[in-house]
Protein backbone atom coordinates (compact mmCIF):
# COMPACT_ATOMS: atom_id res chain seq x y z
CA MET A 1 55.68 18.65 3.97
CA THR A 2 53.74 19.51 7.07
CA VAL A 3 56.60 19.03 9.85
CA ALA A 4 58.92 20.79 7.37
CA LEU A 5 56.51 23.81 7.44
CA ILE A 6 56.24 23.87 11.06
CA VAL A 7 59.76 23.54 11.87
CA LEU A 8 61.27 25.72 9.28
CA PHE A 9 58.67 28.85 10.09
CA ILE A 10 57.18 28.10 13.29
CA VAL A 11 59.68 26.22 15.79
CA TRP A 12 62.96 27.20 14.66
CA PRO A 13 62.00 30.95 14.14
CA ALA A 14 60.72 31.00 17.57
CA GLN A 15 64.06 29.50 18.95
CA VAL A 16 66.38 32.08 17.36
CA SER A 17 63.92 34.75 18.10
CA LEU A 18 64.57 34.54 21.95
CA ASN A 19 67.81 36.87 20.99
CA ASN A 20 66.05 39.99 20.85
CA PRO A 21 67.59 41.40 17.76
CA TRP A 22 66.13 38.33 16.13
CA GLN A 23 62.53 38.81 17.05
CA TRP A 24 61.35 39.52 13.59
CA ALA A 25 61.83 35.89 12.93
CA VAL A 26 58.83 34.96 14.90
CA LEU A 27 56.94 37.67 13.13
CA VAL A 28 57.80 36.75 9.57
CA GLY A 29 57.85 32.94 10.05
CA PRO A 30 54.07 32.39 11.03
CA VAL A 31 53.19 34.86 8.01
CA MET A 32 54.94 32.52 5.89
CA PHE A 33 53.76 29.14 7.34
CA GLY A 34 49.95 30.38 7.31
CA ALA A 35 50.33 31.48 3.53
CA ALA A 36 51.92 28.35 2.76
CA ALA A 37 49.78 26.04 4.84
CA ALA A 38 46.50 28.12 3.66
CA ILE A 39 47.41 26.86 -0.05
CA LEU A 40 47.88 23.25 0.94
CA VAL A 41 44.85 23.13 2.70
CA MET A 42 42.55 24.86 -0.16
CA ALA A 43 44.24 22.64 -2.55
CA GLY A 44 43.19 19.18 -0.87
CA ALA A 45 39.98 18.18 0.39
CA THR A 46 40.63 18.26 4.18
CA ARG A 47 38.33 17.91 6.71
CA PHE A 48 39.64 18.40 10.39
CA ARG A 49 37.41 17.39 13.87
CA MET A 50 37.50 20.29 16.06
CA PRO A 51 35.08 20.48 19.37
CA GLN A 52 31.98 22.63 18.77
CA TRP A 53 32.57 24.39 22.03
CA LEU A 54 36.28 24.93 20.83
CA VAL A 55 35.06 26.69 17.78
CA LEU A 56 32.49 28.65 20.17
CA PHE A 57 35.33 29.59 22.24
CA THR A 58 37.51 30.69 19.40
CA LEU A 59 35.02 33.13 18.27
CA LEU A 60 34.26 34.55 21.32
CA TRP A 61 38.03 35.11 22.10
CA LEU A 62 38.23 36.80 19.07
CA THR A 63 35.37 39.14 19.80
CA ALA A 64 37.20 40.16 23.05
CA ALA A 65 40.71 40.81 21.28
CA GLY A 66 38.56 42.59 18.58
CA ALA A 67 36.85 44.61 21.59
CA SER A 68 40.51 45.33 23.20
CA ALA A 69 41.92 46.44 19.87
CA ILE A 70 39.31 49.05 19.24
CA LEU A 71 38.89 50.29 22.63
CA VAL A 72 42.75 50.80 23.07
CA GLY A 73 43.81 51.72 19.71
CA ASP A 74 46.10 48.92 19.13
CA PRO A 75 45.75 46.19 16.78
CA ARG A 76 48.47 43.99 18.43
CA VAL A 77 45.79 42.17 20.73
CA LEU A 78 44.57 40.70 17.40
CA GLN A 79 47.53 39.82 15.74
CA VAL A 80 49.04 38.04 18.72
CA TYR A 81 45.83 35.84 19.48
CA GLY A 82 44.92 35.84 15.78
CA ALA A 83 48.24 34.23 14.84
CA LEU A 84 48.13 31.60 17.61
CA LEU A 85 44.68 30.50 16.38
CA LEU A 86 45.37 30.61 12.96
CA VAL A 87 48.40 28.24 13.30
CA PHE A 88 46.27 26.15 15.57
CA TYR A 89 43.59 25.51 12.89
CA LEU A 90 45.86 24.97 9.99
CA VAL A 91 48.06 22.71 11.88
CA ALA A 92 44.72 21.07 12.49
CA ALA A 93 43.71 20.81 8.69
CA LEU A 94 47.31 19.74 7.82
CA ALA A 95 47.57 16.74 10.40
CA ALA A 96 44.07 15.75 9.70
CA ALA A 97 45.27 14.95 5.80
CA SER A 98 48.31 13.11 7.44
CA PRO A 99 47.75 9.17 7.06
CA ASP A 100 50.07 8.86 10.28
CA ARG A 101 49.99 11.32 13.02
CA LEU A 102 52.28 9.88 15.28
CA ARG A 103 55.39 9.73 12.44
CA LEU A 104 54.23 13.20 11.89
CA VAL A 105 55.08 13.93 15.76
CA ARG A 106 58.08 11.85 15.46
CA PHE A 107 59.57 13.93 12.73
CA LEU A 108 58.31 17.09 14.33
CA ILE A 109 60.29 16.24 17.76
CA MET A 110 63.53 15.19 16.03
CA GLY A 111 63.03 18.25 13.97
CA VAL A 112 62.80 20.64 16.80
CA VAL A 113 65.53 18.46 18.75
CA VAL A 114 68.05 18.82 15.93
CA GLY A 115 67.57 22.57 15.55
CA GLY A 116 68.02 22.71 19.26
CA LEU A 117 71.51 21.02 19.25
CA ALA A 118 72.57 23.39 15.98
CA LEU A 119 71.89 26.11 18.32
CA MET A 120 73.96 24.68 20.83
CA ALA A 121 76.68 24.12 19.21
CA ILE A 122 76.49 27.63 17.25
CA SER A 123 76.50 29.02 20.79
CA LEU A 124 79.92 27.38 21.51
CA VAL A 125 81.31 28.95 18.85
CA MET A 126 80.28 32.38 19.66
CA GLU A 127 81.07 32.36 23.23
CA PRO A 128 83.20 30.12 25.25
CA PHE A 129 81.49 27.72 27.46
CA SER A 130 81.00 28.91 31.05
CA LEU A 131 78.85 28.14 34.25
CA ARG A 132 78.14 31.67 35.20
CA ARG A 133 75.21 32.73 33.36
CA TYR A 134 76.22 31.61 30.05
CA GLN A 135 74.04 33.25 27.04
CA GLY A 136 75.49 31.57 23.87
CA VAL A 137 73.98 32.76 21.03
CA PHE A 138 71.55 34.57 23.02
CA ASN A 139 71.73 38.13 24.39
CA ASN A 140 70.40 36.86 27.48
CA PRO A 141 70.96 33.88 30.17
CA ASN A 142 67.34 34.10 30.79
CA SER A 143 66.81 33.54 27.11
CA MET A 144 69.45 30.49 27.09
CA GLY A 145 67.19 29.07 29.73
CA TRP A 146 64.01 29.56 28.29
CA PHE A 147 65.49 27.85 25.10
CA THR A 148 67.00 24.83 26.81
CA ALA A 149 64.10 24.44 29.14
CA GLY A 150 61.66 23.89 26.36
CA LEU A 151 63.95 21.39 24.73
CA LEU A 152 64.01 19.25 28.14
CA HIS A 153 60.17 19.59 28.47
CA LEU A 154 59.75 18.49 24.84
CA VAL A 155 62.46 15.49 25.36
CA LEU A 156 61.00 14.59 28.70
CA GLY A 157 57.94 13.98 27.18
CA ALA A 158 59.15 12.03 24.19
CA LEU A 159 61.29 9.89 26.33
CA TYR A 160 58.19 8.81 28.94
CA GLY A 161 57.53 5.36 27.75
CA ASN A 162 58.53 5.75 24.61
CA ARG A 163 54.91 5.81 23.46
CA LEU A 164 55.82 7.48 20.36
CA GLY A 165 57.60 4.21 19.36
CA PHE A 166 61.24 6.17 18.62
CA SER A 167 63.74 3.50 17.61
CA ARG A 168 67.33 2.97 19.40
CA TYR A 169 68.84 5.69 17.17
CA GLY A 170 66.11 7.92 17.95
CA ARG A 171 66.16 7.30 21.72
CA MET A 172 70.13 8.13 21.72
CA ILE A 173 69.41 11.26 20.10
CA LEU A 174 66.79 12.39 22.58
CA LEU A 175 68.96 11.26 25.47
CA THR A 176 72.16 13.20 24.32
CA ALA A 177 69.63 16.57 23.70
CA LEU A 178 68.35 15.93 27.14
CA VAL A 179 71.75 15.87 28.74
CA LEU A 180 73.28 18.79 26.68
CA ALA A 181 70.34 20.99 27.43
CA ALA A 182 70.33 20.36 31.10
CA ILE A 183 74.19 21.48 31.13
CA PHE A 184 73.31 24.55 29.26
CA LEU A 185 70.37 25.19 31.30
CA LEU A 186 72.28 25.03 34.62
CA ALA A 187 75.27 27.20 32.92
CA SER A 188 72.52 29.78 32.16
CA ASN A 189 71.62 29.95 36.02
CA SER A 190 68.20 30.63 35.02
CA ARG A 191 66.07 29.90 38.12
CA ALA A 192 62.67 30.33 36.19
CA ALA A 193 63.72 27.92 33.44
CA LEU A 194 64.96 25.30 36.08
CA ALA A 195 61.68 25.64 38.11
CA SER A 196 59.75 24.98 34.83
CA VAL A 197 61.72 21.63 34.05
CA MET A 198 61.47 20.41 37.51
CA ALA A 199 57.42 21.22 37.03
CA ALA A 200 57.38 19.41 33.93
CA GLY A 201 59.23 16.22 35.68
CA GLY A 202 57.05 16.40 38.47
CA VAL A 203 54.02 16.18 36.60
CA LEU A 204 55.47 13.28 35.00
CA GLY A 205 56.57 11.71 37.87
CA PHE A 206 52.81 12.05 39.24
CA LEU A 207 51.60 10.30 36.11
CA LEU A 208 53.91 7.44 36.84
CA TRP A 209 52.79 7.22 40.23
CA SER A 210 49.10 7.56 39.37
CA GLU A 211 49.72 4.55 36.63
CA SER A 212 51.65 2.49 38.99
CA ILE A 213 49.68 2.68 42.57
CA HIS A 214 45.98 2.74 43.17
CA LEU A 215 45.22 3.41 46.42
CA ARG A 216 41.74 3.14 46.60
CA ARG A 217 42.16 -0.65 44.80
CA GLY A 218 44.80 -1.52 47.15
CA ARG A 219 46.84 -2.47 43.72
CA LEU A 220 50.53 -1.97 42.77
CA ARG A 221 51.73 -2.31 39.09
CA HIS A 222 55.22 -4.09 39.99
CA MET A 223 56.83 -2.93 36.77
CA GLY A 224 55.56 0.49 37.12
CA VAL A 225 56.72 0.89 40.75
CA ARG A 226 60.22 -0.34 39.59
CA LYS A 227 60.49 2.24 37.14
CA LEU A 228 59.33 4.77 39.48
CA VAL A 229 61.99 3.94 41.99
CA MET A 230 64.33 3.76 39.12
CA VAL A 231 63.47 7.37 38.03
CA LEU A 232 64.05 8.68 41.85
CA VAL A 233 67.11 7.10 41.86
CA MET A 234 68.67 8.49 38.88
CA ALA A 235 67.24 11.93 39.61
CA LEU A 236 69.09 11.82 42.99
CA VAL A 237 72.46 10.49 41.00
CA ALA A 238 71.82 13.37 38.50
CA VAL A 239 71.58 16.05 41.21
CA ALA A 240 74.63 14.41 42.91
CA LEU A 241 76.68 14.63 39.44
CA ALA A 242 75.79 18.11 39.04
CA TRP A 243 76.59 19.34 42.29
CA ASN A 244 80.04 17.65 42.51
CA ALA A 245 80.52 19.13 38.82
CA GLY A 246 79.72 22.49 40.37
CA LEU A 247 76.93 23.18 37.89
CA LEU A 248 74.74 24.30 40.85
CA ASN A 249 77.13 26.44 42.39
CA GLU A 250 76.17 29.63 40.59
CA ILE A 251 72.31 28.85 40.70
CA VAL A 252 72.66 28.57 44.59
CA ALA A 253 75.30 31.80 44.36
CA LYS A 254 72.37 33.39 42.75
CA PHE A 255 69.69 32.88 45.30
CA THR A 256 72.26 33.78 47.88
CA GLU A 257 72.73 37.25 46.22
CA THR A 258 69.17 37.82 46.03
CA GLN A 259 68.44 37.08 49.35
CA HIS A 260 71.23 38.99 50.51
CA ARG A 261 69.58 42.19 48.86
CA GLY A 262 66.43 41.50 50.53
CA ASP A 263 64.03 40.78 47.12
CA LEU A 264 64.12 37.27 46.14
CA THR A 265 62.04 38.23 43.06
CA GLN A 266 63.98 40.68 41.57
CA GLY A 267 61.15 43.54 41.50
CA ARG A 268 58.81 41.04 39.95
CA LEU A 269 56.30 40.85 43.03
CA ASP A 270 56.08 44.75 42.95
CA ALA A 271 55.53 44.82 39.09
CA TRP A 272 52.97 41.98 39.46
CA LEU A 273 51.02 44.25 42.46
CA ALA A 274 50.82 47.27 40.32
CA SER A 275 49.13 45.20 37.40
CA LEU A 276 46.84 43.85 39.61
CA ARG A 277 46.02 46.86 41.30
CA HIS A 278 45.40 48.59 37.99
CA TRP A 279 43.89 46.03 35.93
CA THR A 280 41.41 46.73 33.28
CA TRP A 281 38.49 44.62 31.31
CA PHE A 282 40.34 45.14 28.03
CA GLY A 283 43.99 46.25 28.85
CA HIS A 284 46.27 49.35 28.74
CA GLY A 285 47.93 48.42 25.29
CA PRO A 286 51.43 48.66 24.86
CA ASP A 287 52.12 51.98 27.15
CA TYR A 288 51.01 49.99 30.14
CA ALA A 289 53.72 50.83 32.15
CA ALA A 290 52.84 54.59 32.37
CA ALA A 291 49.09 53.22 33.27
CA ILE A 292 50.22 51.46 35.94
CA GLY A 293 53.06 53.71 37.49
CA ARG A 294 56.05 51.70 36.33
CA VAL A 295 57.87 53.68 33.97
CA ASP A 296 61.75 52.92 34.01
CA MET A 297 60.87 50.23 36.64
CA THR A 298 60.38 46.67 36.00
CA ILE A 299 57.23 45.62 34.52
CA GLY A 300 55.83 42.57 33.61
CA HIS A 301 58.52 39.38 34.05
CA SER A 302 55.23 37.04 33.78
CA THR A 303 53.83 36.10 30.77
CA TRP A 304 50.19 36.28 32.71
CA ILE A 305 50.60 39.55 34.25
CA SER A 306 51.93 41.26 30.75
CA HIS A 307 48.61 39.63 29.20
CA LEU A 308 46.49 41.40 31.81
CA SER A 309 48.08 44.61 31.59
CA ARG A 310 48.39 44.78 27.87
CA TYR A 311 45.23 42.79 26.81
CA GLY A 312 42.87 43.01 29.83
CA LEU A 313 41.48 40.45 32.33
CA VAL A 314 38.97 39.21 29.84
CA ASN A 315 41.68 38.21 26.97
CA MET A 316 44.05 37.05 29.65
CA LEU A 317 41.48 34.65 30.99
CA PHE A 318 40.79 33.43 27.14
CA PHE A 319 44.33 32.72 26.86
CA MET A 320 45.01 30.85 29.92
CA LEU A 321 41.79 28.93 29.58
CA PHE A 322 43.09 27.87 26.11
CA LEU A 323 46.39 26.66 27.62
CA GLY A 324 44.37 25.00 30.33
CA SER A 325 42.22 23.20 27.94
CA ALA A 326 45.50 21.55 26.28
CA ALA A 327 46.87 20.63 29.74
CA TRP A 328 43.69 18.78 30.32
CA TRP A 329 43.11 17.33 27.25
CA ALA A 330 46.62 16.15 27.81
CA TRP A 331 46.47 14.99 30.94
CA ARG A 332 43.16 12.59 30.02
CA ALA A 333 45.03 11.30 26.94
CA ALA A 334 48.04 10.38 29.10
CA ARG A 335 46.30 9.05 31.84
CA ARG A 336 43.78 6.88 29.55
CA GLY A 337 46.26 5.92 27.26
CA SER A 338 43.98 7.09 24.63
CA HIS A 339 46.77 9.12 22.54
CA PRO A 340 50.30 9.06 22.76
CA VAL A 341 50.86 12.90 21.81
CA GLY A 342 49.08 13.36 25.23
CA VAL A 343 52.27 12.58 27.36
CA VAL A 344 54.43 14.86 25.12
CA LEU A 345 52.09 17.92 25.08
CA LEU A 346 51.43 17.40 29.24
CA ALA A 347 55.03 18.13 29.64
CA VAL A 348 55.50 21.05 27.18
CA VAL A 349 52.32 22.76 28.34
CA ILE A 350 53.05 22.38 32.23
CA GLY A 351 56.99 23.41 31.45
CA PHE A 352 55.84 26.59 29.38
CA ALA A 353 53.19 27.59 31.99
CA ALA A 354 55.49 27.23 34.96
CA ASN A 355 58.38 29.15 32.95
CA ALA A 356 55.52 31.63 31.74
CA THR A 357 55.12 32.55 35.35
CA PHE A 358 58.19 34.45 35.84
CA GLU A 359 59.18 35.56 32.26
CA THR A 360 57.52 36.95 29.64
CA GLY A 361 57.35 35.19 26.28
CA THR A 362 54.21 34.31 24.44
CA SER A 363 56.22 33.43 21.06
CA THR A 364 58.33 30.80 22.55
CA PRO A 365 59.17 27.31 21.34
CA GLY A 366 56.87 25.77 24.22
CA MET A 367 54.18 28.36 23.29
CA TRP A 368 54.06 27.05 19.71
CA LEU A 369 54.37 23.44 20.30
CA THR A 370 51.74 23.92 22.51
CA VAL A 371 49.43 25.04 19.90
CA ILE A 372 51.18 22.41 17.51
CA LEU A 373 50.54 19.12 19.43
CA PHE A 374 47.02 20.27 20.71
CA ALA A 375 46.08 20.66 17.32
CA ILE A 376 47.92 17.45 16.37
CA GLY A 377 46.19 15.43 19.15
CA LEU A 378 42.93 16.44 18.48
CA GLN A 379 42.63 15.01 14.99
CA GLY A 380 43.05 11.50 16.28
CA LEU A 381 45.23 8.86 15.51
CA GLY A 382 45.30 8.57 11.87
CA GLY A 383 44.86 5.35 9.72
CA GLY A 384 48.71 4.50 9.74
CA CYS A 385 48.79 4.32 13.66
CA GLN A 386 49.77 1.21 15.35
CA TRP A 387 48.92 2.48 18.86
CA VAL A 388 45.89 0.87 20.30
CA ALA A 389 43.76 3.00 22.52
CA ASN A 390 43.98 2.32 26.28
CA ASP A 391 47.04 0.19 25.67
CA ARG A 392 49.20 0.18 28.88
CA ARG A 393 52.58 -1.36 27.52
CA GLY A 394 53.97 2.12 27.13
CA ALA A 395 52.99 3.44 30.56
CA GLY A 396 55.91 5.05 32.14
């Protein structure tokens, strides 16, 4: 039931809402999830765990959002942050009632992947495949990049060491999604999305390095080193195959075109500088373009910058600290082997943060999955789990 609610009302609507005409889905979905989840939580006797500092952090954040809504006269700031936090606490309550949270996460990942594969299939029906700025079912190639990159972040984390214990059949589905999503991502020619996948892969590579090579102790885990070498070889082979297949030609051409025009950032840098020069504590609201002197020009093009301009420095810092807390928890859990969901969350939150630096999109699958996986992870392992804390057998 929990997975069905999350996938049907949160993740799938977030995936399809990347197409602008369908943005209503991500507005309606969380409302329906909140209503159904609240009924389930109130009907049971669920007690969930939440660090006291995080509860205090939430209250302070909502206070800042309320102040911004009053000062600017726009309630959207409360709607955005309130929805994220409401989903976070409701998922935590639902996860606490689950006897096997690893199974919950496995089903969640499979639901997201199956939905992603379906959207890629629908894209091929709606628009013939092309290697030049392919958008498929979406109205923008960058949306295809957001979508496929989010899938890749999730799948890379799920496949890392198979810490969640997927069956052979499950791993085959994940590998299929990995290959297809990579092809669609390269076809979209989205540089920000590609950079986000490289960032997520780089963090997982560093995690494997840190688990395999201990320079201070002068020790090597031979199995880990072999896996590290295999990963590097596979990455080089994948790049070579993509290059020979022409999958990288359009991305290289896109870099060349923008370089010849003398603006690699395509107006992003000027927009960022304008927002930074006109920052306020509680934001300018939805009409921030006029306030920062960017009417009819490029604005935002960065989730962080958009939050700064719309909601102010205080709210932006709360937003970034929340994601930073999720990343820190995920790194520690992945590094120590204390919770297998940590490595999945780590890939998702790092990938989202990298993509969000160059594109605007708060209610995207990566943001919702960060909130959901963080909430589940904080509830512990659950009674039915077979995972043993500090078990390094699944590492790498």
